[in-house]
Structures are given as structure tokens and as C-alpha cells.
Amino acid sequence: MNKRTLLILILSLSFGLSVKAQPAKKPIRIIVAFAAGGPVDFVARTIADPLAKELGRVVLVENRPGASGAIGAAEVIRAEPDGETMWITSVGAAAINPALFEKMSYDMGRDFSAVSLIVNNVELFVTNTKNPANDAAQFIAAVKSKKDATPIGSSGTGSIPHLAMLQLQDSTGLDLLHVPYNGMAPALTDLMGGQVDAEFADVPAVINYVKGGRLKPLAIASKHRISQLPEVKTFEELGIKAVDSNNWYGIFVSSKTPRSVIDQLNKNLKKVLENPSTVTKLEQSGTEPRWSTPDELTAILKSDTQKWAKLIKDKNIKVNE
């Protein structure tokens, strides 16, 4: 073996050893506490690719549905508090469940730290095309003229659509009959079939039905109109007060995660949510991209937890655990 060949062999072995000495970084995980194919899963997968590019790491979306979010929450609590396992959740599992369930396996204040808001999902009040009402004011006037209670569907007891319905009932004094379904899909099927008269729903769940002419929008449960349906007025514009619901999604990590790690993740997510391609995909689905600081999300969580807890307690809402 000549000197040149020997040198190449030594360099090759040295390079191989140096590569082996550098362990591969594990993937970043985004835990979704809902089944694949749903709206939270869609948002998680929409931000996963641009986040992977931003971090220079593989980002995996893992679905851990069940137990009203508790299974997904437990996965994050068990993980190393290094910011590499994140939980994307809706307002329900974060701010509503504490008032709905007497016993919970997780505590948002104790077990989690906020990273950033990801999207806002305002509630749209919709009816079927056979209903003569063209806005919420006309719908309310018609309901008040009836002798019997008007059936209003929702995706389930204690859901944001149910709570928005209660806000409307308190604001107007309407005689409404809550009809809970096991999810939004069957609720919408019955609404279009005329089994219930109206429903509140996240805009992403109904925007295609509205644009396709299968459902009629009556009002937005928000302080402002939305760009996807600019012609639809808010309840406030129609003279109906205190109907304001937001099924936001946010990113949380273990409360043991260092603040420096949280702040860096927050900066990465800000860039992701400013990415034009990401913004377009989210807006086309009917949702509103919305970044926040960790402290802002913490304040939103606290405010919404108090707001929904009061309504749930006042109405004595119970769910089957």
C-alpha cells in the first residue's frame, strides 16, 4: 500500500468516526389531541413544514386523540422539557375543560407554559337555505314569534358552539332548545336536512357550505367582520350584544421548559406565521393566522378560562365523564 492510498484510508476512517460521534437530532414533535383530518390537525400540518425549514429539523405531527384532550396533554407532560415536544390545542381542552370536568389529569397553570397563539376561529351563526331569515336579527324576530322552543344544534355539550348559543340566549331571551351532536359533521347534516333550525360553527367547518350555497350565514360572533366573508355582519352590528366566541388554537410546552427555549420557539413560530404561503393556506381554510407572545397567550388563557367557567357554572352545564 503506497503512502497516498494509506493517507486516503486514514482520512476516510477519521471522517467516519467523526460522523458516528455526532448523534442524529431527534425530530421535533407537535402533539395534536384530536384525530387526523380535523381542523386542529390541519393547522398543525400546515405549520409543520415551514417550522421544519425554520429550525433545520424534522417536525412530526402526532395525533393523540381521546379523553377530551387529556391523552395529548399527558404525552407532552411525560416528554423531556426541552421544547421539542409541543402541544397544539383548541380553547376547549385548555380553557373550557377545567370548568366542565370535576377531575382532570392535567392543570394548565401547573403543567404547561404558553408559547404562542397560532390561529383564531370565530363562530359563524348559520341556518339552512329554506329558512327565510337573511341575518341574525330577522332570525331572532321569527323565533320570538313562535310558541315552541327553537332547536339549535351544536357539536356537543360544553363545546364553543354550545356556549355561543347560550350567549345568544342570554343576550336576547330567546327560547332555544339545545340539540347536542357527537361532532360538527352530523350536526351540519341535520341542519341542512332541517332537523334543527340553526347552529354556531367554526368558520373553517362551514365556509365551503356557505360559499357553495348550502348554508346561509346569519352573523359573526366576533367584534370584527372576517376577510373570508366580508359581507356577513357581526352580532354587534345587528344590535345584539355579548355574543363573542373564539375557538383559538395555541402552542404549549411543558411548564419545566426553560424560558429561553420558549422565547426561541416563539420567534420561530412568528416567522412561520408571517410566511406568505402559510398565511394563504390558513386563510383559505377559513381560519385567521394569529401570532402572540407567550405572555399574551397566557393572558388570553386566563381570561377565557374565567369567562367560560362563569357561563358553565351559571348554566349548570354537566358532561358525562
Protein backbone atom coordinates (compact mmCIF):
# COMPACT_ATOMS: atom_id res chain seq x y z
CA MET A 1 0.00 0.00 0.00
CA ASN A 2 1.54 3.34 -1.06
CA LYS A 3 1.53 6.47 1.08
CA ARG A 4 -1.25 8.14 -0.92
CA THR A 5 -3.62 5.19 -0.51
CA LEU A 6 -2.77 4.94 3.19
CA LEU A 7 -3.48 8.64 3.71
CA ILE A 8 -6.86 8.39 1.97
CA LEU A 9 -7.75 5.37 4.11
CA ILE A 10 -6.79 7.17 7.33
CA LEU A 11 -8.80 10.26 6.36
CA SER A 12 -11.81 8.14 5.43
CA LEU A 13 -11.74 6.33 8.74
CA SER A 14 -11.33 9.58 10.63
CA PHE A 15 -14.31 11.12 8.80
CA GLY A 16 -16.42 8.05 9.51
CA LEU A 17 -15.59 8.21 13.19
CA SER A 18 -16.43 11.92 13.36
CA VAL A 19 -19.80 11.31 11.73
CA LYS A 20 -20.59 8.50 14.13
CA ALA A 21 -19.59 10.69 17.05
CA GLN A 22 -22.37 13.18 16.19
CA PRO A 23 -25.72 11.64 17.17
CA ALA A 24 -28.67 12.47 14.92
CA LYS A 25 -31.05 15.00 16.40
CA LYS A 26 -34.45 13.61 17.29
CA PRO A 27 -37.49 15.02 15.47
CA ILE A 28 -39.49 17.90 16.88
CA ARG A 29 -42.98 16.66 17.78
CA ILE A 30 -46.27 18.54 17.56
CA ILE A 31 -48.88 16.63 19.55
CA VAL A 32 -52.47 17.00 18.36
CA ALA A 33 -55.10 15.92 20.88
CA PHE A 34 -57.59 15.20 18.09
CA ALA A 35 -57.92 12.71 15.25
CA ALA A 36 -56.16 13.15 11.91
CA GLY A 37 -58.10 15.10 9.30
CA GLY A 38 -59.76 17.52 11.72
CA PRO A 39 -59.25 21.30 11.85
CA VAL A 40 -56.59 21.29 14.59
CA ASP A 41 -54.71 18.57 12.72
CA PHE A 42 -54.91 20.63 9.51
CA VAL A 43 -53.41 23.68 11.21
CA ALA A 44 -50.66 21.59 12.81
CA ARG A 45 -49.68 20.06 9.47
CA THR A 46 -49.83 23.45 7.75
CA ILE A 47 -47.24 24.94 10.11
CA ALA A 48 -45.09 21.77 10.42
CA ASP A 49 -43.20 22.07 7.11
CA PRO A 50 -42.30 25.78 7.38
CA LEU A 51 -41.35 25.24 11.02
CA ALA A 52 -39.06 22.38 9.99
CA LYS A 53 -37.34 24.67 7.49
CA GLU A 54 -37.03 27.39 10.10
CA LEU A 55 -35.50 25.03 12.67
CA GLY A 56 -33.48 22.91 10.27
CA ARG A 57 -35.02 19.85 11.92
CA VAL A 58 -37.60 17.21 11.12
CA VAL A 59 -41.02 18.16 12.54
CA LEU A 60 -43.56 15.39 13.05
CA VAL A 61 -47.27 15.77 13.75
CA GLU A 62 -48.53 13.07 16.09
CA ASN A 63 -52.23 12.52 16.80
CA ARG A 64 -53.14 11.53 20.36
CA PRO A 65 -56.94 11.82 20.43
CA GLY A 66 -59.23 10.89 23.30
CA ALA A 67 -60.32 11.81 26.81
CA SER A 68 -61.24 15.37 25.77
CA GLY A 69 -57.60 16.29 25.20
CA ALA A 70 -56.13 14.55 28.26
CA ILE A 71 -54.24 11.90 26.27
CA GLY A 72 -52.46 14.50 24.18
CA ALA A 73 -51.73 16.61 27.25
CA ALA A 74 -50.21 13.64 29.07
CA GLU A 75 -47.87 12.95 26.14
CA VAL A 76 -46.39 16.44 26.45
CA ILE A 77 -46.14 16.30 30.24
CA ARG A 78 -44.22 12.98 30.03
CA ALA A 79 -41.76 14.27 27.44
CA GLU A 80 -38.41 15.92 28.15
CA PRO A 81 -39.00 19.62 28.93
CA ASP A 82 -36.70 20.74 26.12
CA GLY A 83 -39.25 22.42 23.85
CA GLU A 84 -39.02 19.58 21.35
CA THR A 85 -42.46 18.21 22.19
CA MET A 86 -45.20 20.79 21.69
CA TRP A 87 -48.96 20.60 22.21
CA ILE A 88 -51.29 22.35 19.80
CA THR A 89 -54.75 22.58 21.31
CA SER A 90 -58.02 24.40 20.89
CA VAL A 91 -59.58 26.60 23.55
CA GLY A 92 -61.75 23.68 24.68
CA ALA A 93 -59.04 21.46 26.15
CA ALA A 94 -57.16 24.47 27.52
CA ALA A 95 -59.80 26.87 28.88
CA ILE A 96 -63.18 25.09 28.93
CA ASN A 97 -62.41 21.60 30.25
CA PRO A 98 -61.37 22.83 33.73
CA ALA A 99 -64.94 24.00 34.33
CA LEU A 100 -66.63 21.05 32.61
CA PHE A 101 -64.85 18.23 34.42
CA GLU A 102 -64.58 17.85 38.19
CA LYS A 103 -61.38 15.81 37.88
CA MET A 104 -58.68 16.39 35.30
CA SER A 105 -55.34 14.67 34.83
CA TYR A 106 -53.64 17.94 33.90
CA ASP A 107 -53.64 21.52 35.10
CA MET A 108 -52.86 24.25 32.57
CA GLY A 109 -51.22 26.54 35.12
CA ARG A 110 -49.17 23.80 36.76
CA ASP A 111 -48.23 21.61 33.81
CA PHE A 112 -47.92 23.90 30.79
CA SER A 113 -46.30 27.09 29.58
CA ALA A 114 -47.71 29.10 26.69
CA VAL A 115 -45.60 29.57 23.55
CA SER A 116 -47.82 31.32 21.01
CA LEU A 117 -51.31 31.68 19.68
CA ILE A 118 -51.50 30.10 16.22
CA VAL A 119 -54.95 30.87 14.79
CA ASN A 120 -58.29 32.41 15.68
CA ASN A 121 -61.50 30.61 14.69
CA VAL A 122 -64.53 32.83 15.16
CA GLU A 123 -68.00 31.34 15.30
CA LEU A 124 -70.39 31.79 12.40
CA PHE A 125 -74.14 31.54 13.04
CA VAL A 126 -75.70 29.64 10.12
CA THR A 127 -79.07 28.31 9.03
CA ASN A 128 -80.29 26.19 6.11
CA THR A 129 -81.34 27.66 2.81
CA LYS A 130 -85.05 27.03 3.46
CA ASN A 131 -85.07 29.44 6.40
CA PRO A 132 -86.42 32.85 5.29
CA ALA A 133 -84.11 34.83 7.63
CA ASN A 134 -81.24 36.64 5.94
CA ASP A 135 -79.45 37.75 9.11
CA ALA A 136 -79.50 37.09 12.84
CA ALA A 137 -81.88 39.98 13.57
CA GLN A 138 -84.51 38.51 11.24
CA PHE A 139 -83.92 35.03 12.70
CA ILE A 140 -84.39 36.31 16.24
CA ALA A 141 -87.61 38.15 15.33
CA ALA A 142 -89.02 34.95 13.81
CA VAL A 143 -88.04 32.85 16.84
CA LYS A 144 -89.72 35.31 19.22
CA SER A 145 -92.99 34.91 17.32
CA LYS A 146 -93.05 31.12 17.88
CA LYS A 147 -94.76 29.35 20.76
CA ASP A 148 -92.37 26.40 20.96
CA ALA A 149 -88.63 26.33 21.60
CA THR A 150 -86.43 26.54 18.51
CA PRO A 151 -83.94 23.65 18.14
CA ILE A 152 -80.30 24.75 17.79
CA GLY A 153 -77.64 22.14 17.08
CA SER A 154 -74.06 22.02 18.33
CA SER A 155 -71.01 19.78 18.14
CA GLY A 156 -71.54 18.70 21.75
CA THR A 157 -72.34 19.80 25.28
CA GLY A 158 -69.81 22.31 26.54
CA SER A 159 -68.38 22.97 23.07
CA ILE A 160 -67.76 26.51 21.82
CA PRO A 161 -70.85 26.30 19.53
CA HIS A 162 -72.96 25.34 22.56
CA LEU A 163 -71.53 28.14 24.69
CA ALA A 164 -72.05 30.67 21.87
CA MET A 165 -75.68 29.58 21.70
CA LEU A 166 -76.00 30.26 25.44
CA GLN A 167 -74.51 33.72 24.94
CA LEU A 168 -77.16 34.40 22.29
CA GLN A 169 -79.89 33.10 24.55
CA ASP A 170 -78.77 35.32 27.43
CA SER A 171 -78.48 38.36 25.17
CA THR A 172 -81.90 38.00 23.52
CA GLY A 173 -84.07 35.97 25.87
CA LEU A 174 -84.85 33.50 23.09
CA ASP A 175 -86.49 30.16 23.85
CA LEU A 176 -83.89 27.80 22.36
CA LEU A 177 -83.63 24.02 22.61
CA HIS A 178 -80.05 22.79 22.61
CA VAL A 179 -79.52 19.67 20.46
CA PRO A 180 -76.00 18.31 21.04
CA TYR A 181 -74.35 16.03 18.49
CA ASN A 182 -71.24 13.90 18.61
CA GLY A 183 -69.19 16.29 16.49
CA MET A 184 -69.86 19.00 13.96
CA ALA A 185 -70.30 16.76 10.89
CA PRO A 186 -73.59 15.13 12.00
CA ALA A 187 -74.80 18.47 13.36
CA LEU A 188 -74.34 20.10 9.96
CA THR A 189 -76.01 17.18 8.19
CA ASP A 190 -79.13 17.61 10.31
CA LEU A 191 -79.05 21.39 9.90
CA MET A 192 -79.05 21.08 6.12
CA GLY A 193 -81.78 18.46 6.43
CA GLY A 194 -83.96 20.77 8.52
CA GLN A 195 -83.91 18.73 11.76
CA VAL A 196 -82.53 21.79 13.61
CA ASP A 197 -83.02 25.46 12.73
CA ALA A 198 -79.53 26.93 13.15
CA GLU A 199 -76.07 26.36 14.58
CA PHE A 200 -72.90 28.10 15.59
CA ALA A 201 -69.77 26.65 13.97
CA ASP A 202 -66.11 27.50 13.45
CA VAL A 203 -65.75 29.30 10.13
CA PRO A 204 -63.41 26.60 8.69
CA ALA A 205 -66.09 23.95 9.32
CA VAL A 206 -68.78 25.74 7.29
CA ILE A 207 -67.12 28.17 4.88
CA ASN A 208 -67.32 25.78 1.93
CA TYR A 209 -71.01 25.10 2.61
CA VAL A 210 -71.66 28.84 2.77
CA LYS A 211 -69.73 29.63 -0.41
CA GLY A 212 -71.37 26.65 -2.11
CA GLY A 213 -74.84 27.94 -1.25
CA ARG A 214 -75.80 25.05 1.03
CA LEU A 215 -75.87 27.11 4.24
CA LYS A 216 -76.88 30.70 4.89
CA PRO A 217 -74.69 32.88 7.16
CA LEU A 218 -76.61 35.00 9.67
CA ALA A 219 -73.93 36.69 11.79
CA ILE A 220 -70.35 36.54 13.03
CA ALA A 221 -69.77 36.04 16.77
CA SER A 222 -66.80 38.41 16.84
CA LYS A 223 -66.03 42.07 17.36
CA HIS A 224 -64.98 42.40 13.73
CA ARG A 225 -66.02 41.03 10.35
CA ILE A 226 -63.73 38.49 8.72
CA SER A 227 -61.95 38.79 5.40
CA GLN A 228 -63.24 35.44 4.11
CA LEU A 229 -66.88 36.55 4.44
CA PRO A 230 -66.71 40.35 4.44
CA GLU A 231 -70.42 40.80 3.72
CA VAL A 232 -71.52 38.98 6.91
CA LYS A 233 -72.23 41.38 9.77
CA THR A 234 -71.25 40.84 13.38
CA PHE A 235 -73.90 40.37 16.06
CA GLU A 236 -72.82 43.72 17.45
CA GLU A 237 -73.58 45.44 14.14
CA LEU A 238 -77.04 43.87 14.20
CA GLY A 239 -77.72 45.29 17.67
CA ILE A 240 -77.18 42.01 19.54
CA LYS A 241 -74.75 42.36 22.44
CA ALA A 242 -72.33 39.96 24.14
CA VAL A 243 -72.19 37.20 21.54
CA ASP A 244 -68.44 36.88 21.10
CA SER A 245 -66.73 33.49 20.83
CA ASN A 246 -63.30 32.48 19.61
CA ASN A 247 -62.13 28.89 19.28
CA TRP A 248 -58.44 29.78 19.16
CA TYR A 249 -55.62 27.25 18.78
CA GLY A 250 -52.36 27.71 20.66
CA ILE A 251 -48.99 26.02 21.20
CA PHE A 252 -47.98 24.96 24.72
CA VAL A 253 -44.98 23.10 26.14
CA SER A 254 -44.13 21.56 29.49
CA SER A 255 -44.02 24.12 32.30
CA LYS A 256 -40.49 22.88 33.11
CA THR A 257 -39.19 24.14 29.75
CA PRO A 258 -36.62 26.95 30.14
CA ARG A 259 -37.95 30.40 29.21
CA SER A 260 -35.07 30.90 26.78
CA VAL A 261 -36.23 27.84 24.82
CA ILE A 262 -39.82 29.09 24.83
CA ASP A 263 -38.76 32.52 23.58
CA GLN A 264 -36.76 30.98 20.72
CA LEU A 265 -39.69 28.78 19.71
CA ASN A 266 -41.91 31.83 19.80
CA LYS A 267 -39.59 33.68 17.40
CA ASN A 268 -39.58 30.66 15.07
CA LEU A 269 -43.38 30.47 15.09
CA LYS A 270 -43.64 34.19 14.38
CA LYS A 271 -41.62 33.70 11.20
CA VAL A 272 -43.78 30.70 10.24
CA LEU A 273 -47.00 32.68 10.72
CA GLU A 274 -45.58 35.54 8.65
CA ASN A 275 -44.74 33.17 5.79
CA PRO A 276 -46.99 34.20 2.85
CA SER A 277 -47.58 30.59 1.78
CA THR A 278 -48.60 29.56 5.29
CA VAL A 279 -50.86 32.60 5.68
CA THR A 280 -52.59 31.83 2.36
CA LYS A 281 -53.23 28.18 3.25
CA LEU A 282 -54.66 29.06 6.64
CA GLU A 283 -56.82 31.91 5.38
CA GLN A 284 -58.18 29.83 2.51
CA SER A 285 -59.35 27.25 5.06
CA GLY A 286 -61.36 29.96 6.83
CA THR A 287 -59.11 30.45 9.82
CA GLU A 288 -57.14 33.55 10.84
CA PRO A 289 -53.36 33.23 11.45
CA ARG A 290 -52.51 34.98 14.70
CA TRP A 291 -49.13 35.04 16.44
CA SER A 292 -48.78 36.18 20.06
CA THR A 293 -46.11 36.44 22.71
CA PRO A 294 -46.11 33.76 25.44
CA ASP A 295 -47.39 36.32 27.94
CA GLU A 296 -50.24 37.36 25.64
CA LEU A 297 -51.39 33.76 25.22
CA THR A 298 -51.15 33.24 28.98
CA ALA A 299 -53.43 36.26 29.49
CA ILE A 300 -55.91 35.02 26.85
CA LEU A 301 -55.99 31.61 28.51
CA LYS A 302 -56.66 33.15 31.92
CA SER A 303 -59.38 35.46 30.60
CA ASP A 304 -61.18 32.74 28.61
CA THR A 305 -60.94 30.23 31.46
CA GLN A 306 -62.72 32.71 33.74
CA LYS A 307 -65.29 33.71 31.11
CA TRP A 308 -66.33 30.19 30.17
CA ALA A 309 -66.19 28.91 33.76
CA LYS A 310 -68.72 31.56 34.81
CA LEU A 311 -71.11 30.67 31.97
CA ILE A 312 -70.77 26.92 32.59
CA LYS A 313 -71.39 27.40 36.32
CA ASP A 314 -74.31 29.78 35.80
CA LYS A 315 -75.98 27.33 33.40
CA ASN A 316 -75.04 24.29 35.48
CA ILE A 317 -73.64 22.51 32.41
CA LYS A 318 -72.62 18.91 33.01
CA VAL A 319 -70.97 16.35 30.77
CA ASN A 320 -70.72 12.59 31.05
CA GLU A 321 -67.17 11.77 32.07
